[in-house]
Amino acid sequence: MIAYIQGEVLDTAEDSLVLLAGGIGYRVYAPVKLFAAPPVPGDEIALHTYLQINTQPRAEALALFGFPGKQELALFELLLGVSSIGAKTALAALNSLGYDGIVGAVQTGNSQTLTAIPGVGKKSAERILLELKDKIMKLEPSYLVSDAPPATNDLAANLRRTAALALTQLGYTQAEAQKLVDKAAQGLPDDTALEDMITAALQLAARG
């Protein structure tokens, strides 16, 4: 099993990249939005990987998935354990909501946020909550559910709250985080991705 790969980025796509390692170019499916900066050709990167073996007809016999950190890989594997959630959907979850977004949504019981994942409807979102809550608590034992705001049916508000939760993980107080996110959201469209909202909030914080 390939558990780790390091090499030079040769090419990138929306959900994958080609990594040159040992003279071989590997196609690696990766949540590109989780990287500190989008990988570009020429970058030297290292990934924790998951090798999927497919037996279904017309599917890739082997598919390699890569993640910048062990936590992202662990969460990906947890998502794979949920009924009806395949590898591409699990990857889309990390690419659209990010690590903190998924953890926050599961721990607060926020199924509405999970429906923002491509391919995940209401029933699948509820299944993720049911099957992962205890497992994610073990993955992130320091996550304080009591500090999280209640779930709401307003998706935009949910994304702002999830972004604020992510900032608290970086050391901001809940009040500081919510203020930064609310201010950042004023200049962003309603369909802004979670990662972009967090980035905008951090840029505001940096400017003081």
C-alpha atoms as a PDB file:
ATOM      1  CA  MET A   1       0.000   0.000   0.000  1.00  0.00           C
ATOM      2  CA  ILE A   2       1.230   3.497  -0.824  1.00  0.00           C
ATOM      3  CA  ALA A   3       0.938   5.494   2.404  1.00  0.00           C
ATOM      4  CA  TYR A   4       3.133   8.508   1.652  1.00  0.00           C
ATOM      5  CA  ILE A   5       4.493  10.139  -1.480  1.00  0.00           C
ATOM      6  CA  GLN A   6       6.858  13.040  -2.062  1.00  0.00           C
ATOM      7  CA  GLY A   7       7.841  14.620  -5.329  1.00  0.00           C
ATOM      8  CA  GLU A   8       7.501  17.434  -7.848  1.00  0.00           C
ATOM      9  CA  VAL A   9       4.144  18.654  -9.129  1.00  0.00           C
ATOM     10  CA  LEU A  10       3.978  18.213 -12.906  1.00  0.00           C
ATOM     11  CA  ASP A  11       0.375  19.205 -13.545  1.00  0.00           C
ATOM     12  CA  THR A  12      -2.776  20.173 -11.636  1.00  0.00           C
ATOM     13  CA  ALA A  13      -6.531  19.880 -12.129  1.00  0.00           C
ATOM     14  CA  GLU A  14      -9.555  20.899 -10.071  1.00  0.00           C
ATOM     15  CA  ASP A  15      -9.460  17.799  -7.863  1.00  0.00           C
ATOM     16  CA  SER A  16      -6.127  16.150  -8.674  1.00  0.00           C
ATOM     17  CA  LEU A  17      -2.485  16.630  -9.519  1.00  0.00           C
ATOM     18  CA  VAL A  18       0.290  14.682 -11.176  1.00  0.00           C
ATOM     19  CA  LEU A  19       3.260  14.100  -8.890  1.00  0.00           C
ATOM     20  CA  LEU A  20       6.659  12.988 -10.180  1.00  0.00           C
ATOM     21  CA  ALA A  21       8.267  10.595  -7.695  1.00  0.00           C
ATOM     22  CA  GLY A  22      11.070   8.194  -8.506  1.00  0.00           C
ATOM     23  CA  GLY A  23      10.760   8.879 -12.215  1.00  0.00           C
ATOM     24  CA  ILE A  24       7.054   7.942 -12.271  1.00  0.00           C
ATOM     25  CA  GLY A  25       4.174  10.407 -12.620  1.00  0.00           C
ATOM     26  CA  TYR A  26       1.363   9.546 -10.196  1.00  0.00           C
ATOM     27  CA  ARG A  27      -2.154  10.912 -10.620  1.00  0.00           C
ATOM     28  CA  VAL A  28      -3.204  11.843  -7.080  1.00  0.00           C
ATOM     29  CA  TYR A  29      -6.736  12.983  -6.268  1.00  0.00           C
ATOM     30  CA  ALA A  30      -6.424  15.676  -3.630  1.00  0.00           C
ATOM     31  CA  PRO A  31      -8.531  18.352  -1.878  1.00  0.00           C
ATOM     32  CA  VAL A  32      -6.588  21.215  -3.447  1.00  0.00           C
ATOM     33  CA  LYS A  33      -8.306  23.845  -1.292  1.00  0.00           C
ATOM     34  CA  LEU A  34      -6.772  22.345   1.873  1.00  0.00           C
ATOM     35  CA  PHE A  35      -3.244  23.324   0.858  1.00  0.00           C
ATOM     36  CA  ALA A  36      -1.765  26.482   2.347  1.00  0.00           C
ATOM     37  CA  ALA A  37      -1.262  27.615  -1.261  1.00  0.00           C
ATOM     38  CA  PRO A  38      -2.588  25.929  -4.411  1.00  0.00           C
ATOM     39  CA  PRO A  39       0.064  23.530  -5.765  1.00  0.00           C
ATOM     40  CA  VAL A  40       1.566  24.600  -9.085  1.00  0.00           C
ATOM     41  CA  PRO A  41       3.942  22.804 -11.465  1.00  0.00           C
ATOM     42  CA  GLY A  42       7.442  22.815 -10.056  1.00  0.00           C
ATOM     43  CA  ASP A  43       6.387  22.699  -6.392  1.00  0.00           C
ATOM     44  CA  GLU A  44       7.921  20.009  -4.195  1.00  0.00           C
ATOM     45  CA  ILE A  45       5.219  18.544  -1.949  1.00  0.00           C
ATOM     46  CA  ALA A  46       4.602  15.521   0.281  1.00  0.00           C
ATOM     47  CA  LEU A  47       1.256  13.819   0.785  1.00  0.00           C
ATOM     48  CA  HIS A  48      -0.231  11.230   3.113  1.00  0.00           C
ATOM     49  CA  THR A  49      -2.073   8.871   0.799  1.00  0.00           C
ATOM     50  CA  TYR A  50      -4.902   6.377   0.559  1.00  0.00           C
ATOM     51  CA  LEU A  51      -4.860   3.765  -2.209  1.00  0.00           C
ATOM     52  CA  GLN A  52      -8.285   2.632  -3.383  1.00  0.00           C
ATOM     53  CA  ILE A  53      -8.683  -0.637  -5.275  1.00  0.00           C
ATOM     54  CA  ASN A  54     -11.813  -0.765  -7.433  1.00  0.00           C
ATOM     55  CA  THR A  55     -13.457  -3.951  -8.659  1.00  0.00           C
ATOM     56  CA  GLN A  56     -16.442  -2.365 -10.359  1.00  0.00           C
ATOM     57  CA  PRO A  57     -16.460  -2.308 -14.174  1.00  0.00           C
ATOM     58  CA  ARG A  58     -15.502   0.941 -15.942  1.00  0.00           C
ATOM     59  CA  ALA A  59     -13.909   2.289 -12.770  1.00  0.00           C
ATOM     60  CA  GLU A  60     -10.206   3.015 -12.334  1.00  0.00           C
ATOM     61  CA  ALA A  61      -8.566  -0.166 -11.062  1.00  0.00           C
ATOM     62  CA  LEU A  62      -6.418   1.889  -8.704  1.00  0.00           C
ATOM     63  CA  ALA A  63      -6.998   5.423  -7.453  1.00  0.00           C
ATOM     64  CA  LEU A  64      -4.590   7.288  -5.206  1.00  0.00           C
ATOM     65  CA  PHE A  65      -5.859  10.028  -2.877  1.00  0.00           C
ATOM     66  CA  GLY A  66      -3.478  12.424  -1.148  1.00  0.00           C
ATOM     67  CA  PHE A  67      -3.738  14.843   1.772  1.00  0.00           C
ATOM     68  CA  PRO A  68      -1.378  17.451   3.230  1.00  0.00           C
ATOM     69  CA  GLY A  69      -1.861  16.171   6.808  1.00  0.00           C
ATOM     70  CA  LYS A  70      -2.653  12.988   8.710  1.00  0.00           C
ATOM     71  CA  GLN A  71      -5.829  14.488  10.175  1.00  0.00           C
ATOM     72  CA  GLU A  72      -7.309  15.155   6.747  1.00  0.00           C
ATOM     73  CA  LEU A  73      -6.495  11.578   5.726  1.00  0.00           C
ATOM     74  CA  ALA A  74      -8.090  10.229   8.914  1.00  0.00           C
ATOM     75  CA  LEU A  75     -11.259  12.241   8.296  1.00  0.00           C
ATOM     76  CA  PHE A  76     -11.358  11.053   4.670  1.00  0.00           C
ATOM     77  CA  GLU A  77     -11.192   7.448   5.867  1.00  0.00           C
ATOM     78  CA  LEU A  78     -13.990   8.086   8.378  1.00  0.00           C
ATOM     79  CA  LEU A  79     -16.171   9.496   5.600  1.00  0.00           C
ATOM     80  CA  LEU A  80     -15.473   6.409   3.488  1.00  0.00           C
ATOM     81  CA  GLY A  81     -16.915   4.324   6.304  1.00  0.00           C
ATOM     82  CA  VAL A  82     -20.296   6.034   6.011  1.00  0.00           C
ATOM     83  CA  SER A  83     -22.903   4.095   4.042  1.00  0.00           C
ATOM     84  CA  SER A  84     -23.288   5.347   0.438  1.00  0.00           C
ATOM     85  CA  ILE A  85     -20.329   7.780   0.693  1.00  0.00           C
ATOM     86  CA  GLY A  86     -17.693   6.964  -1.917  1.00  0.00           C
ATOM     87  CA  ALA A  87     -14.159   8.232  -2.285  1.00  0.00           C
ATOM     88  CA  LYS A  88     -15.008  11.012  -4.735  1.00  0.00           C
ATOM     89  CA  THR A  89     -17.798  12.289  -2.461  1.00  0.00           C
ATOM     90  CA  ALA A  90     -15.504  12.143   0.581  1.00  0.00           C
ATOM     91  CA  LEU A  91     -12.901  14.116  -1.383  1.00  0.00           C
ATOM     92  CA  ALA A  92     -15.540  16.650  -2.449  1.00  0.00           C
ATOM     93  CA  ALA A  93     -16.538  17.056   1.202  1.00  0.00           C
ATOM     94  CA  LEU A  94     -13.014  18.065   2.187  1.00  0.00           C
ATOM     95  CA  ASN A  95     -12.621  20.234  -0.892  1.00  0.00           C
ATOM     96  CA  SER A  96     -15.865  22.144  -0.320  1.00  0.00           C
ATOM     97  CA  LEU A  97     -16.148  22.414   3.485  1.00  0.00           C
ATOM     98  CA  GLY A  98     -12.589  21.796   4.610  1.00  0.00           C
ATOM     99  CA  TYR A  99     -11.503  19.813   7.653  1.00  0.00           C
ATOM    100  CA  ASP A 100     -12.829  22.263  10.254  1.00  0.00           C
ATOM    101  CA  GLY A 101     -16.073  22.733   8.373  1.00  0.00           C
ATOM    102  CA  ILE A 102     -16.885  19.016   8.422  1.00  0.00           C
ATOM    103  CA  VAL A 103     -15.829  18.548  12.039  1.00  0.00           C
ATOM    104  CA  GLY A 104     -17.829  21.579  13.118  1.00  0.00           C
ATOM    105  CA  ALA A 105     -20.934  20.503  11.206  1.00  0.00           C
ATOM    106  CA  VAL A 106     -20.870  16.980  12.627  1.00  0.00           C
ATOM    107  CA  GLN A 107     -20.210  18.032  16.199  1.00  0.00           C
ATOM    108  CA  THR A 108     -22.995  20.622  16.137  1.00  0.00           C
ATOM    109  CA  GLY A 109     -25.441  18.317  14.358  1.00  0.00           C
ATOM    110  CA  ASN A 110     -25.673  20.706  11.420  1.00  0.00           C
ATOM    111  CA  SER A 111     -26.969  18.603   8.519  1.00  0.00           C
ATOM    112  CA  GLN A 112     -27.780  21.679   6.424  1.00  0.00           C
ATOM    113  CA  THR A 113     -24.108  22.594   6.080  1.00  0.00           C
ATOM    114  CA  LEU A 114     -23.287  19.049   4.985  1.00  0.00           C
ATOM    115  CA  THR A 115     -25.798  19.276   2.125  1.00  0.00           C
ATOM    116  CA  ALA A 116     -23.466  21.870   0.571  1.00  0.00           C
ATOM    117  CA  ILE A 117     -21.200  18.929  -0.320  1.00  0.00           C
ATOM    118  CA  PRO A 118     -21.687  17.929  -3.985  1.00  0.00           C
ATOM    119  CA  GLY A 119     -23.629  14.658  -4.122  1.00  0.00           C
ATOM    120  CA  VAL A 120     -24.842  14.809  -0.524  1.00  0.00           C
ATOM    121  CA  GLY A 121     -28.573  15.245   0.054  1.00  0.00           C
ATOM    122  CA  LYS A 122     -30.558  15.507   3.256  1.00  0.00           C
ATOM    123  CA  LYS A 123     -30.628  11.761   3.956  1.00  0.00           C
ATOM    124  CA  SER A 124     -26.902  11.336   3.317  1.00  0.00           C
ATOM    125  CA  ALA A 125     -26.133  14.344   5.536  1.00  0.00           C
ATOM    126  CA  GLU A 126     -28.164  12.872   8.380  1.00  0.00           C
ATOM    127  CA  ARG A 127     -26.399   9.543   7.897  1.00  0.00           C
ATOM    128  CA  ILE A 128     -23.013  11.273   8.183  1.00  0.00           C
ATOM    129  CA  LEU A 129     -24.103  12.887  11.456  1.00  0.00           C
ATOM    130  CA  LEU A 130     -25.392   9.603  12.838  1.00  0.00           C
ATOM    131  CA  GLU A 131     -22.399   7.478  11.912  1.00  0.00           C
ATOM    132  CA  LEU A 132     -19.561   9.931  12.538  1.00  0.00           C
ATOM    133  CA  LYS A 133     -20.374  11.982  15.633  1.00  0.00           C
ATOM    134  CA  ASP A 134     -18.699   9.663  18.154  1.00  0.00           C
ATOM    135  CA  LYS A 135     -15.823   8.862  15.784  1.00  0.00           C
ATOM    136  CA  ILE A 136     -15.067  12.516  15.111  1.00  0.00           C
ATOM    137  CA  MET A 137     -15.142  13.228  18.841  1.00  0.00           C
ATOM    138  CA  LYS A 138     -12.330  10.689  19.190  1.00  0.00           C
ATOM    139  CA  LEU A 139     -10.500  12.257  16.242  1.00  0.00           C
ATOM    140  CA  GLU A 140     -10.881  15.766  17.717  1.00  0.00           C
ATOM    141  CA  PRO A 141     -11.306  15.325  21.505  1.00  0.00           C
ATOM    142  CA  SER A 142     -10.427  18.984  22.132  1.00  0.00           C
ATOM    143  CA  TYR A 143     -13.369  20.242  20.069  1.00  0.00           C
ATOM    144  CA  LEU A 144     -15.801  21.867  22.493  1.00  0.00           C
ATOM    145  CA  VAL A 145     -19.385  21.268  21.439  1.00  0.00           C
ATOM    146  CA  SER A 146     -20.619  23.512  24.251  1.00  0.00           C
ATOM    147  CA  ASP A 147     -18.809  26.457  22.652  1.00  0.00           C
ATOM    148  CA  ALA A 148     -20.454  25.892  19.263  1.00  0.00           C
ATOM    149  CA  PRO A 149     -23.531  27.850  18.196  1.00  0.00           C
ATOM    150  CA  PRO A 150     -26.814  25.993  17.591  1.00  0.00           C
ATOM    151  CA  ALA A 151     -27.637  24.720  14.134  1.00  0.00           C
ATOM    152  CA  THR A 152     -29.812  26.799  11.854  1.00  0.00           C
ATOM    153  CA  ASN A 153     -31.540  26.288   8.540  1.00  0.00           C
ATOM    154  CA  ASP A 154     -29.851  29.345   7.055  1.00  0.00           C
ATOM    155  CA  LEU A 155     -26.944  27.926   5.027  1.00  0.00           C
ATOM    156  CA  ALA A 156     -25.123  31.260   4.739  1.00  0.00           C
ATOM    157  CA  ALA A 157     -25.319  31.775   8.501  1.00  0.00           C
ATOM    158  CA  ASN A 158     -24.133  28.204   9.062  1.00  0.00           C
ATOM    159  CA  LEU A 159     -21.075  28.802   6.912  1.00  0.00           C
ATOM    160  CA  ARG A 160     -20.237  31.977   8.847  1.00  0.00           C
ATOM    161  CA  ARG A 161     -20.538  30.129  12.124  1.00  0.00           C
ATOM    162  CA  THR A 162     -18.438  27.233  10.885  1.00  0.00           C
ATOM    163  CA  ALA A 163     -15.797  29.718   9.719  1.00  0.00           C
ATOM    164  CA  ALA A 164     -15.838  31.332  13.156  1.00  0.00           C
ATOM    165  CA  LEU A 165     -15.349  27.922  14.763  1.00  0.00           C
ATOM    166  CA  ALA A 166     -12.331  27.375  12.544  1.00  0.00           C
ATOM    167  CA  LEU A 167     -10.835  30.678  13.725  1.00  0.00           C
ATOM    168  CA  THR A 168     -11.288  29.687  17.366  1.00  0.00           C
ATOM    169  CA  GLN A 169      -9.092  26.671  16.601  1.00  0.00           C
ATOM    170  CA  LEU A 170      -6.385  29.181  15.607  1.00  0.00           C
ATOM    171  CA  GLY A 171      -6.535  30.939  18.971  1.00  0.00           C
ATOM    172  CA  TYR A 172      -9.185  33.629  18.495  1.00  0.00           C
ATOM    173  CA  THR A 173     -11.955  33.973  21.051  1.00  0.00           C
ATOM    174  CA  GLN A 174     -15.471  33.148  19.887  1.00  0.00           C
ATOM    175  CA  ALA A 175     -16.419  36.838  19.956  1.00  0.00           C
ATOM    176  CA  GLU A 176     -13.317  37.896  17.987  1.00  0.00           C
ATOM    177  CA  ALA A 177     -13.805  35.129  15.451  1.00  0.00           C
ATOM    178  CA  GLN A 178     -17.478  35.878  14.862  1.00  0.00           C
ATOM    179  CA  LYS A 179     -16.779  39.598  14.488  1.00  0.00           C
ATOM    180  CA  LEU A 180     -14.055  38.967  11.900  1.00  0.00           C
ATOM    181  CA  VAL A 181     -16.188  36.516   9.920  1.00  0.00           C
ATOM    182  CA  ASP A 182     -19.267  38.753   9.953  1.00  0.00           C
ATOM    183  CA  LYS A 183     -17.196  41.684   8.718  1.00  0.00           C
ATOM    184  CA  ALA A 184     -15.520  39.595   6.013  1.00  0.00           C
ATOM    185  CA  ALA A 185     -18.875  38.184   4.864  1.00  0.00           C
ATOM    186  CA  GLN A 186     -20.153  41.682   4.097  1.00  0.00           C
ATOM    187  CA  GLY A 187     -17.826  41.929   1.111  1.00  0.00           C
ATOM    188  CA  LEU A 188     -18.284  38.369  -0.142  1.00  0.00           C
ATOM    189  CA  PRO A 189     -20.998  36.757  -2.320  1.00  0.00           C
ATOM    190  CA  ASP A 190     -23.512  34.392  -0.707  1.00  0.00           C
ATOM    191  CA  ASP A 191     -21.994  31.335  -2.411  1.00  0.00           C
ATOM    192  CA  THR A 192     -18.483  31.978  -1.075  1.00  0.00           C
ATOM    193  CA  ALA A 193     -16.614  28.784  -0.147  1.00  0.00           C
ATOM    194  CA  LEU A 194     -15.810  28.201   3.511  1.00  0.00           C
ATOM    195  CA  GLU A 195     -12.050  28.383   2.937  1.00  0.00           C
ATOM    196  CA  ASP A 196     -12.365  31.734   1.143  1.00  0.00           C
ATOM    197  CA  MET A 197     -14.415  33.141   3.991  1.00  0.00           C
ATOM    198  CA  ILE A 198     -11.805  32.022   6.537  1.00  0.00           C
ATOM    199  CA  THR A 199      -9.016  33.509   4.402  1.00  0.00           C
ATOM    200  CA  ALA A 200     -10.847  36.846   4.139  1.00  0.00           C
ATOM    201  CA  ALA A 201     -11.371  36.931   7.896  1.00  0.00           C
ATOM    202  CA  LEU A 202      -7.680  36.212   8.554  1.00  0.00           C
ATOM    203  CA  GLN A 203      -6.692  38.975   6.143  1.00  0.00           C
ATOM    204  CA  LEU A 204      -8.868  41.392   8.107  1.00  0.00           C
ATOM    205  CA  ALA A 205      -7.225  40.268  11.329  1.00  0.00           C
ATOM    206  CA  ALA A 206      -3.768  40.789   9.831  1.00  0.00           C
ATOM    207  CA  ARG A 207      -4.671  44.342   8.854  1.00  0.00           C
ATOM    208  CA  GLY A 208      -5.811  45.008  12.402  1.00  0.00           C
END
